[in-house]
Amino acid sequence: QDNEILLFKPKPGEYRLYVGGKFVIFRVPEGHR
């Protein structure tokens, strides 16, 4: 499984946590640089 654990940011304000190829999305405040 290539995405066994993956922390990925597809766009500003969003993180994806993958476990075993499946993921959940966490939306965060953006723009603090």
PDB file of all heavy atoms in Angstrom:
ATOM      1  N   GLN A   1       0.842  -1.201   0.000  1.00  0.00           N
ATOM      2  CA  GLN A   1       0.000   0.000   0.000  1.00  0.00           C
ATOM      3  C   GLN A   1       0.884   1.262   0.000  1.00  0.00           C
ATOM      4  O   GLN A   1       1.597   1.511   0.961  1.00  0.00           O
ATOM      5  CB  GLN A   1      -0.900  -0.024   1.250  1.00  0.00           C
ATOM      6  CG  GLN A   1      -1.733   1.203   1.490  1.00  0.00           C
ATOM      7  CD  GLN A   1      -2.587   1.627   0.315  1.00  0.00           C
ATOM      8  OE1 GLN A   1      -2.278   2.573  -0.402  1.00  0.00           O
ATOM      9  NE2 GLN A   1      -3.668   0.875   0.083  1.00  0.00           N
ATOM     10  N   ASP A   2       0.808   2.033  -1.112  1.00  0.00           N
ATOM     11  CA  ASP A   2       1.698   3.207  -1.187  1.00  0.00           C
ATOM     12  C   ASP A   2       1.255   4.344  -0.262  1.00  0.00           C
ATOM     13  O   ASP A   2       2.079   5.125   0.194  1.00  0.00           O
ATOM     14  CB  ASP A   2       1.876   3.705  -2.637  1.00  0.00           C
ATOM     15  CG  ASP A   2       0.564   4.001  -3.333  1.00  0.00           C
ATOM     16  OD1 ASP A   2      -0.500   3.786  -2.733  1.00  0.00           O
ATOM     17  OD2 ASP A   2       0.597   4.447  -4.490  1.00  0.00           O
ATOM     18  N   ASN A   3      -0.042   4.440   0.032  1.00  0.00           N
ATOM     19  CA  ASN A   3      -0.520   5.461   0.980  1.00  0.00           C
ATOM     20  C   ASN A   3      -0.905   4.824   2.320  1.00  0.00           C
ATOM     21  O   ASN A   3      -2.005   4.997   2.811  1.00  0.00           O
ATOM     22  CB  ASN A   3      -1.707   6.238   0.399  1.00  0.00           C
ATOM     23  CG  ASN A   3      -1.305   7.079  -0.802  1.00  0.00           C
ATOM     24  OD1 ASN A   3      -0.136   7.409  -0.975  1.00  0.00           O
ATOM     25  ND2 ASN A   3      -2.269   7.422  -1.628  1.00  0.00           N
ATOM     26  N   GLU A   4       0.045   4.073   2.877  1.00  0.00           N
ATOM     27  CA  GLU A   4      -0.193   3.400   4.169  1.00  0.00           C
ATOM     28  C   GLU A   4      -0.458   4.464   5.245  1.00  0.00           C
ATOM     29  O   GLU A   4      -1.440   4.398   5.975  1.00  0.00           O
ATOM     30  CB  GLU A   4       1.031   2.551   4.512  1.00  0.00           C
ATOM     31  CG  GLU A   4       0.832   1.565   5.627  1.00  0.00           C
ATOM     32  CD  GLU A   4      -0.043   0.364   5.265  1.00  0.00           C
ATOM     33  OE1 GLU A   4      -1.266   0.514   5.299  1.00  0.00           O
ATOM     34  OE2 GLU A   4       0.490  -0.723   4.993  1.00  0.00           O
ATOM     35  N   ILE A   5       0.454   5.435   5.357  1.00  0.00           N
ATOM     36  CA  ILE A   5       0.189   6.658   6.128  1.00  0.00           C
ATOM     37  C   ILE A   5       0.650   7.821   5.243  1.00  0.00           C
ATOM     38  O   ILE A   5       1.786   7.815   4.771  1.00  0.00           O
ATOM     39  CB  ILE A   5       0.974   6.719   7.451  1.00  0.00           C
ATOM     40  CG1 ILE A   5       0.684   5.505   8.342  1.00  0.00           C
ATOM     41  CG2 ILE A   5       0.649   8.012   8.209  1.00  0.00           C
ATOM     42  CD1 ILE A   5       1.587   5.426   9.588  1.00  0.00           C
ATOM     43  N   LEU A   6      -0.226   8.775   5.025  1.00  0.00           N
ATOM     44  CA  LEU A   6       0.143   9.935   4.213  1.00  0.00           C
ATOM     45  C   LEU A   6      -0.501  11.179   4.812  1.00  0.00           C
ATOM     46  O   LEU A   6      -1.701  11.191   5.091  1.00  0.00           O
ATOM     47  CB  LEU A   6      -0.332   9.748   2.763  1.00  0.00           C
ATOM     48  CG  LEU A   6      -0.138  10.939   1.808  1.00  0.00           C
ATOM     49  CD1 LEU A   6       1.333  11.256   1.594  1.00  0.00           C
ATOM     50  CD2 LEU A   6      -0.816  10.671   0.463  1.00  0.00           C
ATOM     51  N   LEU A   7       0.315  12.209   5.021  1.00  0.00           N
ATOM     52  CA  LEU A   7      -0.204  13.529   5.395  1.00  0.00           C
ATOM     53  C   LEU A   7      -0.001  14.428   4.184  1.00  0.00           C
ATOM     54  O   LEU A   7       1.138  14.680   3.766  1.00  0.00           O
ATOM     55  CB  LEU A   7       0.536  14.072   6.615  1.00  0.00           C
ATOM     56  CG  LEU A   7       0.001  15.390   7.169  1.00  0.00           C
ATOM     57  CD1 LEU A   7      -1.454  15.255   7.644  1.00  0.00           C
ATOM     58  CD2 LEU A   7       0.883  15.904   8.303  1.00  0.00           C
ATOM     59  N   PHE A   8      -1.124  14.881   3.635  1.00  0.00           N
ATOM     60  CA  PHE A   8      -1.118  15.550   2.327  1.00  0.00           C
ATOM     61  C   PHE A   8      -1.932  16.834   2.429  1.00  0.00           C
ATOM     62  O   PHE A   8      -2.955  16.873   3.118  1.00  0.00           O
ATOM     63  CB  PHE A   8      -1.749  14.602   1.291  1.00  0.00           C
ATOM     64  CG  PHE A   8      -1.565  15.027  -0.136  1.00  0.00           C
ATOM     65  CD1 PHE A   8      -0.357  14.829  -0.784  1.00  0.00           C
ATOM     66  CD2 PHE A   8      -2.616  15.621  -0.843  1.00  0.00           C
ATOM     67  CE1 PHE A   8      -0.182  15.208  -2.111  1.00  0.00           C
ATOM     68  CE2 PHE A   8      -2.450  16.010  -2.165  1.00  0.00           C
ATOM     69  CZ  PHE A   8      -1.235  15.801  -2.801  1.00  0.00           C
ATOM     70  N   LYS A   9      -1.471  17.877   1.753  1.00  0.00           N
ATOM     71  CA  LYS A   9      -2.223  19.135   1.738  1.00  0.00           C
ATOM     72  C   LYS A   9      -2.609  19.445   0.293  1.00  0.00           C
ATOM     73  O   LYS A   9      -1.801  19.936  -0.485  1.00  0.00           O
ATOM     74  CB  LYS A   9      -1.380  20.260   2.336  1.00  0.00           C
ATOM     75  CG  LYS A   9      -2.258  21.364   2.892  1.00  0.00           C
ATOM     76  CD  LYS A   9      -1.526  22.333   3.779  1.00  0.00           C
ATOM     77  CE  LYS A   9      -2.518  23.410   4.219  1.00  0.00           C
ATOM     78  NZ  LYS A   9      -1.889  24.624   4.686  1.00  0.00           N
ATOM     79  N   PRO A  10      -3.852  19.111  -0.121  1.00  0.00           N
ATOM     80  CA  PRO A  10      -4.240  19.284  -1.520  1.00  0.00           C
ATOM     81  C   PRO A  10      -4.417  20.746  -1.923  1.00  0.00           C
ATOM     82  O   PRO A  10      -4.247  21.101  -3.077  1.00  0.00           O
ATOM     83  CB  PRO A  10      -5.569  18.540  -1.627  1.00  0.00           C
ATOM     84  CG  PRO A  10      -6.097  18.464  -0.244  1.00  0.00           C
ATOM     85  CD  PRO A  10      -4.912  18.487   0.686  1.00  0.00           C
ATOM     86  N   LYS A  11      -4.756  21.596  -0.940  1.00  0.00           N
ATOM     87  CA  LYS A  11      -4.953  23.022  -1.236  1.00  0.00           C
ATOM     88  C   LYS A  11      -4.911  23.787   0.084  1.00  0.00           C
ATOM     89  O   LYS A  11      -5.007  23.173   1.156  1.00  0.00           O
ATOM     90  CB  LYS A  11      -6.290  23.235  -1.940  1.00  0.00           C
ATOM     91  CG  LYS A  11      -7.495  22.807  -1.140  1.00  0.00           C
ATOM     92  CD  LYS A  11      -8.775  22.945  -1.946  1.00  0.00           C
ATOM     93  CE  LYS A  11      -9.976  22.560  -1.114  1.00  0.00           C
ATOM     94  NZ  LYS A  11     -11.187  22.375  -1.897  1.00  0.00           N
ATOM     95  N   PRO A  12      -4.785  25.114   0.022  1.00  0.00           N
ATOM     96  CA  PRO A  12      -4.773  25.884   1.268  1.00  0.00           C
ATOM     97  C   PRO A  12      -6.041  25.619   2.091  1.00  0.00           C
ATOM     98  O   PRO A  12      -7.137  25.489   1.544  1.00  0.00           O
ATOM     99  CB  PRO A  12      -4.748  27.340   0.775  1.00  0.00           C
ATOM    100  CG  PRO A  12      -4.082  27.261  -0.572  1.00  0.00           C
ATOM    101  CD  PRO A  12      -4.541  25.964  -1.159  1.00  0.00           C
ATOM    102  N   GLY A  13      -5.865  25.480   3.402  1.00  0.00           N
ATOM    103  CA  GLY A  13      -7.004  25.293   4.293  1.00  0.00           C
ATOM    104  C   GLY A  13      -7.501  23.868   4.419  1.00  0.00           C
ATOM    105  O   GLY A  13      -8.536  23.623   5.025  1.00  0.00           O
ATOM    106  N   GLU A  14      -6.770  22.911   3.846  1.00  0.00           N
ATOM    107  CA  GLU A  14      -7.239  21.523   3.902  1.00  0.00           C
ATOM    108  C   GLU A  14      -6.064  20.555   4.058  1.00  0.00           C
ATOM    109  O   GLU A  14      -5.094  20.639   3.325  1.00  0.00           O
ATOM    110  CB  GLU A  14      -8.012  21.198   2.627  1.00  0.00           C
ATOM    111  CG  GLU A  14      -8.656  19.829   2.630  1.00  0.00           C
ATOM    112  CD  GLU A  14      -9.516  19.594   1.371  1.00  0.00           C
ATOM    113  OE1 GLU A  14     -10.381  20.443   1.084  1.00  0.00           O
ATOM    114  OE2 GLU A  14      -9.294  18.597   0.692  1.00  0.00           O
ATOM    115  N   TYR A  15      -6.186  19.670   5.032  1.00  0.00           N
ATOM    116  CA  TYR A  15      -5.240  18.559   5.189  1.00  0.00           C
ATOM    117  C   TYR A  15      -5.982  17.253   4.958  1.00  0.00           C
ATOM    118  O   TYR A  15      -7.144  17.116   5.343  1.00  0.00           O
ATOM    119  CB  TYR A  15      -4.657  18.522   6.606  1.00  0.00           C
ATOM    120  CG  TYR A  15      -3.552  19.509   6.861  1.00  0.00           C
ATOM    121  CD1 TYR A  15      -3.831  20.782   7.330  1.00  0.00           C
ATOM    122  CD2 TYR A  15      -2.220  19.160   6.661  1.00  0.00           C
ATOM    123  CE1 TYR A  15      -2.809  21.694   7.600  1.00  0.00           C
ATOM    124  CE2 TYR A  15      -1.191  20.065   6.914  1.00  0.00           C
ATOM    125  CZ  TYR A  15      -1.498  21.327   7.384  1.00  0.00           C
ATOM    126  OH  TYR A  15      -0.484  22.219   7.634  1.00  0.00           O
ATOM    127  N   ARG A  16      -5.279  16.295   4.349  1.00  0.00           N
ATOM    128  CA  ARG A  16      -5.805  14.940   4.231  1.00  0.00           C
ATOM    129  C   ARG A  16      -4.902  13.984   4.989  1.00  0.00           C
ATOM    130  O   ARG A  16      -3.686  13.998   4.803  1.00  0.00           O
ATOM    131  CB  ARG A  16      -5.838  14.485   2.770  1.00  0.00           C
ATOM    132  CG  ARG A  16      -6.958  15.093   1.979  1.00  0.00           C
ATOM    133  CD  ARG A  16      -6.981  14.486   0.589  1.00  0.00           C
ATOM    134  NE  ARG A  16      -7.884  15.229  -0.271  1.00  0.00           N
ATOM    135  CZ  ARG A  16      -8.035  15.003  -1.570  1.00  0.00           C
ATOM    136  NH1 ARG A  16      -7.325  14.035  -2.149  1.00  0.00           N
ATOM    137  NH2 ARG A  16      -8.868  15.715  -2.281  1.00  0.00           N
ATOM    138  N   LEU A  17      -5.522  13.147   5.813  1.00  0.00           N
ATOM    139  CA  LEU A  17      -4.799  12.062   6.474  1.00  0.00           C
ATOM    140  C   LEU A  17      -5.245  10.749   5.847  1.00  0.00           C
ATOM    141  O   LEU A  17      -6.432  10.413   5.873  1.00  0.00           O
ATOM    142  CB  LEU A  17      -5.108  12.045   7.974  1.00  0.00           C
ATOM    143  CG  LEU A  17      -4.551  10.836   8.733  1.00  0.00           C
ATOM    144  CD1 LEU A  17      -3.023  10.844   8.753  1.00  0.00           C
ATOM    145  CD2 LEU A  17      -5.104  10.772  10.161  1.00  0.00           C
ATOM    146  N   TYR A  18      -4.280  10.041   5.259  1.00  0.00           N
ATOM    147  CA  TYR A  18      -4.544   8.723   4.668  1.00  0.00           C
ATOM    148  C   TYR A  18      -4.072   7.643   5.629  1.00  0.00           C
ATOM    149  O   TYR A  18      -2.989   7.746   6.211  1.00  0.00           O
ATOM    150  CB  TYR A  18      -3.757   8.531   3.376  1.00  0.00           C
ATOM    151  CG  TYR A  18      -4.241   9.292   2.181  1.00  0.00           C
ATOM    152  CD1 TYR A  18      -3.993  10.656   2.050  1.00  0.00           C
ATOM    153  CD2 TYR A  18      -4.909   8.642   1.137  1.00  0.00           C
ATOM    154  CE1 TYR A  18      -4.412  11.355   0.928  1.00  0.00           C
ATOM    155  CE2 TYR A  18      -5.321   9.331   0.001  1.00  0.00           C
ATOM    156  CZ  TYR A  18      -5.078  10.680  -0.095  1.00  0.00           C
ATOM    157  OH  TYR A  18      -5.485  11.376  -1.206  1.00  0.00           O
ATOM    158  N   VAL A  19      -4.869   6.590   5.768  1.00  0.00           N
ATOM    159  CA  VAL A  19      -4.444   5.354   6.433  1.00  0.00           C
ATOM    160  C   VAL A  19      -4.885   4.209   5.535  1.00  0.00           C
ATOM    161  O   VAL A  19      -6.071   4.086   5.208  1.00  0.00           O
ATOM    162  CB  VAL A  19      -5.079   5.202   7.835  1.00  0.00           C
ATOM    163  CG1 VAL A  19      -4.687   3.860   8.453  1.00  0.00           C
ATOM    164  CG2 VAL A  19      -4.660   6.346   8.754  1.00  0.00           C
ATOM    165  N   GLY A  20      -3.936   3.393   5.089  1.00  0.00           N
ATOM    166  CA  GLY A  20      -4.273   2.244   4.244  1.00  0.00           C
ATOM    167  C   GLY A  20      -5.014   2.623   2.969  1.00  0.00           C
ATOM    168  O   GLY A  20      -5.902   1.902   2.524  1.00  0.00           O
ATOM    169  N   GLY A  21      -4.651   3.771   2.380  1.00  0.00           N
ATOM    170  CA  GLY A  21      -5.220   4.174   1.089  1.00  0.00           C
ATOM    171  C   GLY A  21      -6.529   4.943   1.164  1.00  0.00           C
ATOM    172  O   GLY A  21      -6.980   5.508   0.171  1.00  0.00           O
ATOM    173  N   LYS A  22      -7.168   4.982   2.337  1.00  0.00           N
ATOM    174  CA  LYS A  22      -8.405   5.772   2.520  1.00  0.00           C
ATOM    175  C   LYS A  22      -8.046   7.058   3.265  1.00  0.00           C
ATOM    176  O   LYS A  22      -7.076   7.077   4.020  1.00  0.00           O
ATOM    177  CB  LYS A  22      -9.435   4.983   3.340  1.00  0.00           C
ATOM    178  CG  LYS A  22      -9.786   3.608   2.785  1.00  0.00           C
ATOM    179  CD  LYS A  22     -10.961   3.722   1.822  1.00  0.00           C
ATOM    180  CE  LYS A  22     -11.642   2.397   1.506  1.00  0.00           C
ATOM    181  NZ  LYS A  22     -10.777   1.257   1.233  1.00  0.00           N
ATOM    182  N   PHE A  23      -8.847   8.118   3.077  1.00  0.00           N
ATOM    183  CA  PHE A  23      -8.485   9.356   3.748  1.00  0.00           C
ATOM    184  C   PHE A  23      -9.694  10.071   4.353  1.00  0.00           C
ATOM    185  O   PHE A  23     -10.840   9.836   3.964  1.00  0.00           O
ATOM    186  CB  PHE A  23      -7.733  10.302   2.803  1.00  0.00           C
ATOM    187  CG  PHE A  23      -8.564  10.883   1.686  1.00  0.00           C
ATOM    188  CD1 PHE A  23      -9.266  12.072   1.856  1.00  0.00           C
ATOM    189  CD2 PHE A  23      -8.616  10.258   0.442  1.00  0.00           C
ATOM    190  CE1 PHE A  23     -10.017  12.616   0.824  1.00  0.00           C
ATOM    191  CE2 PHE A  23      -9.360  10.789  -0.603  1.00  0.00           C
ATOM    192  CZ  PHE A  23     -10.065  11.978  -0.407  1.00  0.00           C
ATOM    193  N   VAL A  24      -9.391  10.942   5.328  1.00  0.00           N
ATOM    194  CA  VAL A  24     -10.360  11.895   5.864  1.00  0.00           C
ATOM    195  C   VAL A  24      -9.778  13.293   5.687  1.00  0.00           C
ATOM    196  O   VAL A  24      -8.553  13.461   5.609  1.00  0.00           O
ATOM    197  CB  VAL A  24     -10.695  11.641   7.350  1.00  0.00           C
ATOM    198  CG1 VAL A  24     -11.600  10.433   7.502  1.00  0.00           C
ATOM    199  CG2 VAL A  24      -9.437  11.477   8.192  1.00  0.00           C
ATOM    200  N   ILE A  25     -10.666  14.278   5.618  1.00  0.00           N
ATOM    201  CA  ILE A  25     -10.273  15.669   5.381  1.00  0.00           C
ATOM    202  C   ILE A  25     -10.462  16.481   6.652  1.00  0.00           C
ATOM    203  O   ILE A  25     -11.487  16.358   7.333  1.00  0.00           O
ATOM    204  CB  ILE A  25     -11.127  16.271   4.243  1.00  0.00           C
ATOM    205  CG1 ILE A  25     -10.788  15.601   2.913  1.00  0.00           C
ATOM    206  CG2 ILE A  25     -10.932  17.787   4.147  1.00  0.00           C
ATOM    207  CD1 ILE A  25     -11.712  15.981   1.774  1.00  0.00           C
ATOM    208  N   PHE A  26      -9.469  17.303   6.962  1.00  0.00           N
ATOM    209  CA  PHE A  26      -9.582  18.261   8.063  1.00  0.00           C
ATOM    210  C   PHE A  26      -9.382  19.660   7.488  1.00  0.00           C
ATOM    211  O   PHE A  26      -8.363  19.929   6.864  1.00  0.00           O
ATOM    212  CB  PHE A  26      -8.530  17.971   9.144  1.00  0.00           C
ATOM    213  CG  PHE A  26      -8.723  16.645   9.814  1.00  0.00           C
ATOM    214  CD1 PHE A  26      -8.038  15.519   9.375  1.00  0.00           C
ATOM    215  CD2 PHE A  26      -9.603  16.516  10.882  1.00  0.00           C
ATOM    216  CE1 PHE A  26      -8.219  14.284   9.988  1.00  0.00           C
ATOM    217  CE2 PHE A  26      -9.791  15.275  11.504  1.00  0.00           C
ATOM    218  CZ  PHE A  26      -9.102  14.167  11.059  1.00  0.00           C
ATOM    219  N   ARG A  27     -10.385  20.531   7.689  1.00  0.00           N
ATOM    220  CA  ARG A  27     -10.310  21.895   7.156  1.00  0.00           C
ATOM    221  C   ARG A  27      -9.801  22.829   8.249  1.00  0.00           C
ATOM    222  O   ARG A  27     -10.311  22.810   9.366  1.00  0.00           O
ATOM    223  CB  ARG A  27     -11.684  22.331   6.647  1.00  0.00           C
ATOM    224  CG  ARG A  27     -12.072  21.542   5.411  1.00  0.00           C
ATOM    225  CD  ARG A  27     -13.405  21.927   4.813  1.00  0.00           C
ATOM    226  NE  ARG A  27     -13.667  21.073   3.640  1.00  0.00           N
ATOM    227  CZ  ARG A  27     -14.230  19.875   3.708  1.00  0.00           C
ATOM    228  NH1 ARG A  27     -14.605  19.381   4.871  1.00  0.00           N
ATOM    229  NH2 ARG A  27     -14.416  19.163   2.609  1.00  0.00           N
ATOM    230  N   VAL A  28      -8.821  23.635   7.904  1.00  0.00           N
ATOM    231  CA  VAL A  28      -8.163  24.497   8.891  1.00  0.00           C
ATOM    232  C   VAL A  28      -8.179  25.945   8.412  1.00  0.00           C
ATOM    233  O   VAL A  28      -8.316  26.201   7.212  1.00  0.00           O
ATOM    234  CB  VAL A  28      -6.698  24.038   9.122  1.00  0.00           C
ATOM    235  CG1 VAL A  28      -6.664  22.626   9.683  1.00  0.00           C
ATOM    236  CG2 VAL A  28      -5.867  24.136   7.851  1.00  0.00           C
ATOM    237  N   PRO A  29      -8.032  26.899   9.337  1.00  0.00           N
ATOM    238  CA  PRO A  29      -7.959  28.299   8.902  1.00  0.00           C
ATOM    239  C   PRO A  29      -6.701  28.516   8.072  1.00  0.00           C
ATOM    240  O   PRO A  29      -5.669  27.893   8.320  1.00  0.00           O
ATOM    241  CB  PRO A  29      -7.896  29.081  10.217  1.00  0.00           C
ATOM    242  CG  PRO A  29      -7.522  28.101  11.262  1.00  0.00           C
ATOM    243  CD  PRO A  29      -7.947  26.757  10.787  1.00  0.00           C
ATOM    244  N   GLU A  30      -6.797  29.367   7.097  1.00  0.00           N
ATOM    245  CA  GLU A  30      -5.692  29.533   6.154  1.00  0.00           C
ATOM    246  C   GLU A  30      -5.254  30.986   6.138  1.00  0.00           C
ATOM    247  O   GLU A  30      -6.016  31.871   6.482  1.00  0.00           O
ATOM    248  CB  GLU A  30      -6.178  29.116   4.752  1.00  0.00           C
ATOM    249  CG  GLU A  30      -5.089  29.006   3.721  1.00  0.00           C
ATOM    250  CD  GLU A  30      -3.938  28.107   4.136  1.00  0.00           C
ATOM    251  OE1 GLU A  30      -4.164  26.983   4.620  1.00  0.00           O
ATOM    252  OE2 GLU A  30      -2.788  28.540   3.954  1.00  0.00           O
ATOM    253  N   GLY A  31      -4.027  31.194   5.722  1.00  0.00           N
ATOM    254  CA  GLY A  31      -3.615  32.544   5.386  1.00  0.00           C
ATOM    255  C   GLY A  31      -2.719  33.220   6.404  1.00  0.00           C
ATOM    256  O   GLY A  31      -2.478  34.414   6.312  1.00  0.00           O
ATOM    257  N   HIS A  32      -2.197  32.468   7.391  1.00  0.00           N
ATOM    258  CA  HIS A  32      -1.320  33.120   8.359  1.00  0.00           C
ATOM    259  C   HIS A  32       0.111  33.221   7.845  1.00  0.00           C
ATOM    260  O   HIS A  32       0.910  33.972   8.402  1.00  0.00           O
ATOM    261  CB  HIS A  32      -1.339  32.360   9.688  1.00  0.00           C
ATOM    262  CG  HIS A  32      -2.709  32.258  10.274  1.00  0.00           C
ATOM    263  ND1 HIS A  32      -3.486  33.369  10.509  1.00  0.00           N
ATOM    264  CD2 HIS A  32      -3.456  31.197  10.644  1.00  0.00           C
ATOM    265  CE1 HIS A  32      -4.645  32.983  11.013  1.00  0.00           C
ATOM    266  NE2 HIS A  32      -4.656  31.667  11.101  1.00  0.00           N
ATOM    267  N   ARG A  33       0.441  32.453   6.814  1.00  0.00           N
ATOM    268  CA  ARG A  33       1.817  32.434   6.304  1.00  0.00           C
ATOM    269  C   ARG A  33       2.812  32.282   7.443  1.00  0.00           C
ATOM    270  O   ARG A  33       3.750  33.062   7.595  1.00  0.00           O
ATOM    271  CB  ARG A  33       2.121  33.720   5.516  1.00  0.00           C
ATOM    272  CG  ARG A  33       1.346  33.815   4.222  1.00  0.00           C
ATOM    273  CD  ARG A  33       2.009  32.980   3.139  1.00  0.00           C
ATOM    274  NE  ARG A  33       1.200  32.926   1.936  1.00  0.00           N
ATOM    275  CZ  ARG A  33       0.352  31.943   1.660  1.00  0.00           C
ATOM    276  NH1 ARG A  33       0.200  30.953   2.500  1.00  0.00           N
ATOM    277  NH2 ARG A  33      -0.317  31.948   0.529  1.00  0.00           N
TER     278      ARG A  33
END
